Amino acid sequence: MTRPHEARTRWTRERVLGAMRGRLTVSCQAYPGEPLRDPRTTAQMARAVVAGGAAAVRAQGLDDVAAVVAAVDVPVVGLWKDGDGGVFITPTLRHARAVADAGAHVVALDGTRRPRPDGLTLAETVAGLRETADVLVMADCGSLDDALAAQDAGVDLLGTTLAGYTGERPKTSGPDLELVDEVVAACSLPVVVEGRVHSPAQAAEAMARGAFSVCVGTAITHPTTITSWFAEAIPTRH
């Protein structure tokens, strides 16, 4: 089996960005207590989405990240959700280093301007991570101000992941395309559109607005939610 650090050495910064540019990233995640919450299942899901055309995979949790890195030969965006509110997506430098150690080619972390649990700034977190790991960093942002601050902090990719979840912007029914327009216009870094992309048409629209990559999760890899969409659309008969 290929070890995580060995798998990552094949993926230079240029190769990771080249693989993701203009293509689909798929998030393979299941929540605690759900039937699919198992690293082996996540790895199988990752293989399935890559077979369907995914150019990169996003995975959550150290065991899942390591399993996906071993299962697919595409860039893996890794994160570690810890906590139930506030900053919980790879919230500290310790979490970021652990995700990198699990083999992620890109470490995704909270890219908002909110205080981080360990007291470090985002810039300090990025710098500290790069002292020990040669990885790209993706900032999950909730607003244009977040994106601008994250760019100044030295990240490599900007995500719209937290739009509608931090109180700065309303939660849109689909992807926050207005925010996409703002970030693409104001920032020089690649923009990954993520969050509530529920259809191929929405993904295509995000790309048309200048997205570097579009990340889709729930609509592809969360059957519980997909099933609920259909179940709720069917009138109940007694």
Foldseek 3Di string as FASTA:
>chain_A
DDALVRLLVVQAPVNQLVLFFPEAEEEAEDDPPDPQHDLVSSLVLLVVVVVVPHQEYEYEDLSNLLSNSVRDNHAYEYWYADDDDDFGTLQALVRQLSNVNSRHQEYEGAQAQDQGPVRDGLLVSVVSNVVPHNHAYEHAYAALVSLVVSVVSPGAEYENACHCPPPPHNDDQAFPLVRLLSNQVPDDHAYEYDDRHQDPVSQVVSVVSPHRYYYYYCNRHPVVVVVVVVVVVDDDDD
